[in-house]
Amino acid sequence: MATPGTTHPTMILNAAAALVVSGKTEGLSEGAKMAAGALDGGGARKALDGLIGITNERFTWQMFSKR
């Protein structure tokens, strides 16, 4: 979970903008609500951990498959 602090509003705004650009939300207000929910509820961390796991698996697989 994100700890509210000096970077918290920046993370929310950045994620909100990404949600708008990707077409997931209609505007920054809706995107900010979704982003805050994901950051504060731990969903963003779970997604990041999943991405790290996939990246590590592919890197390891590629590293050993070339030999």
Protein backbone atom coordinates (compact mmCIF):
# COMPACT_ATOMS: atom_id res chain seq x y z
CA MET A 1 0.00 0.00 0.00
CA ALA A 2 1.14 3.49 -0.73
CA THR A 3 2.00 5.66 2.22
CA PRO A 4 0.42 9.07 1.81
CA GLY A 5 3.13 11.68 1.69
CA THR A 6 4.75 14.12 -0.64
CA THR A 7 4.79 11.79 -3.67
CA HIS A 8 1.33 10.31 -3.13
CA PRO A 9 -0.62 13.06 -4.97
CA THR A 10 1.88 12.93 -7.84
CA MET A 11 1.48 9.18 -8.20
CA ILE A 12 -2.30 9.52 -8.20
CA LEU A 13 -2.28 12.28 -10.82
CA ASN A 14 0.19 10.41 -13.02
CA ALA A 15 -1.85 7.20 -12.84
CA ALA A 16 -5.07 9.14 -13.44
CA ALA A 17 -3.60 10.67 -16.60
CA ALA A 18 -2.52 7.23 -17.80
CA LEU A 19 -6.04 5.91 -17.22
CA VAL A 20 -7.52 8.78 -19.24
CA VAL A 21 -5.04 8.36 -22.10
CA SER A 22 -5.64 4.61 -22.22
CA GLY A 23 -9.39 5.19 -22.40
CA LYS A 24 -10.14 3.45 -19.09
CA THR A 25 -11.76 6.59 -17.64
CA GLU A 26 -13.52 9.65 -18.98
CA GLY A 27 -11.59 12.26 -16.99
CA LEU A 28 -8.93 12.97 -14.42
CA SER A 29 -11.39 13.06 -11.52
CA GLU A 30 -12.62 9.53 -12.22
CA GLY A 31 -9.06 8.38 -12.93
CA ALA A 32 -7.83 9.86 -9.66
CA LYS A 33 -10.48 7.95 -7.72
CA MET A 34 -9.51 4.70 -9.44
CA ALA A 35 -5.80 5.36 -8.97
CA ALA A 36 -6.17 6.24 -5.30
CA GLY A 37 -8.16 3.07 -4.74
CA ALA A 38 -5.49 0.95 -6.43
CA LEU A 39 -2.61 2.63 -4.63
CA ASP A 40 -4.22 2.72 -1.20
CA GLY A 41 -5.84 -0.71 -1.47
CA GLY A 42 -2.69 -2.55 -2.52
CA GLY A 43 -3.87 -3.40 -6.03
CA ALA A 44 -1.11 -1.37 -7.67
CA ARG A 45 1.52 -3.19 -5.61
CA LYS A 46 0.07 -6.58 -6.57
CA ALA A 47 0.16 -5.60 -10.24
CA LEU A 48 3.76 -4.40 -9.93
CA ASP A 49 4.81 -7.59 -8.14
CA GLY A 50 3.17 -9.64 -10.91
CA LEU A 51 5.01 -7.66 -13.59
CA ILE A 52 8.30 -8.12 -11.74
CA GLY A 53 7.67 -11.86 -11.55
CA ILE A 54 6.90 -12.15 -15.26
CA THR A 55 9.93 -10.05 -16.16
CA ASN A 56 12.21 -12.14 -13.95
CA GLU A 57 10.87 -15.40 -15.43
CA ARG A 58 11.37 -14.22 -19.01
CA PHE A 59 14.81 -12.81 -18.31
CA THR A 60 15.92 -16.04 -16.63
CA TRP A 61 14.43 -18.15 -19.43
CA GLN A 62 16.09 -16.04 -22.15
CA MET A 63 19.38 -16.00 -20.32
CA PHE A 64 19.57 -19.78 -20.08
CA SER A 65 17.97 -20.62 -23.44
CA LYS A 66 20.79 -18.95 -25.39
CA ARG A 67 23.39 -21.37 -24.06
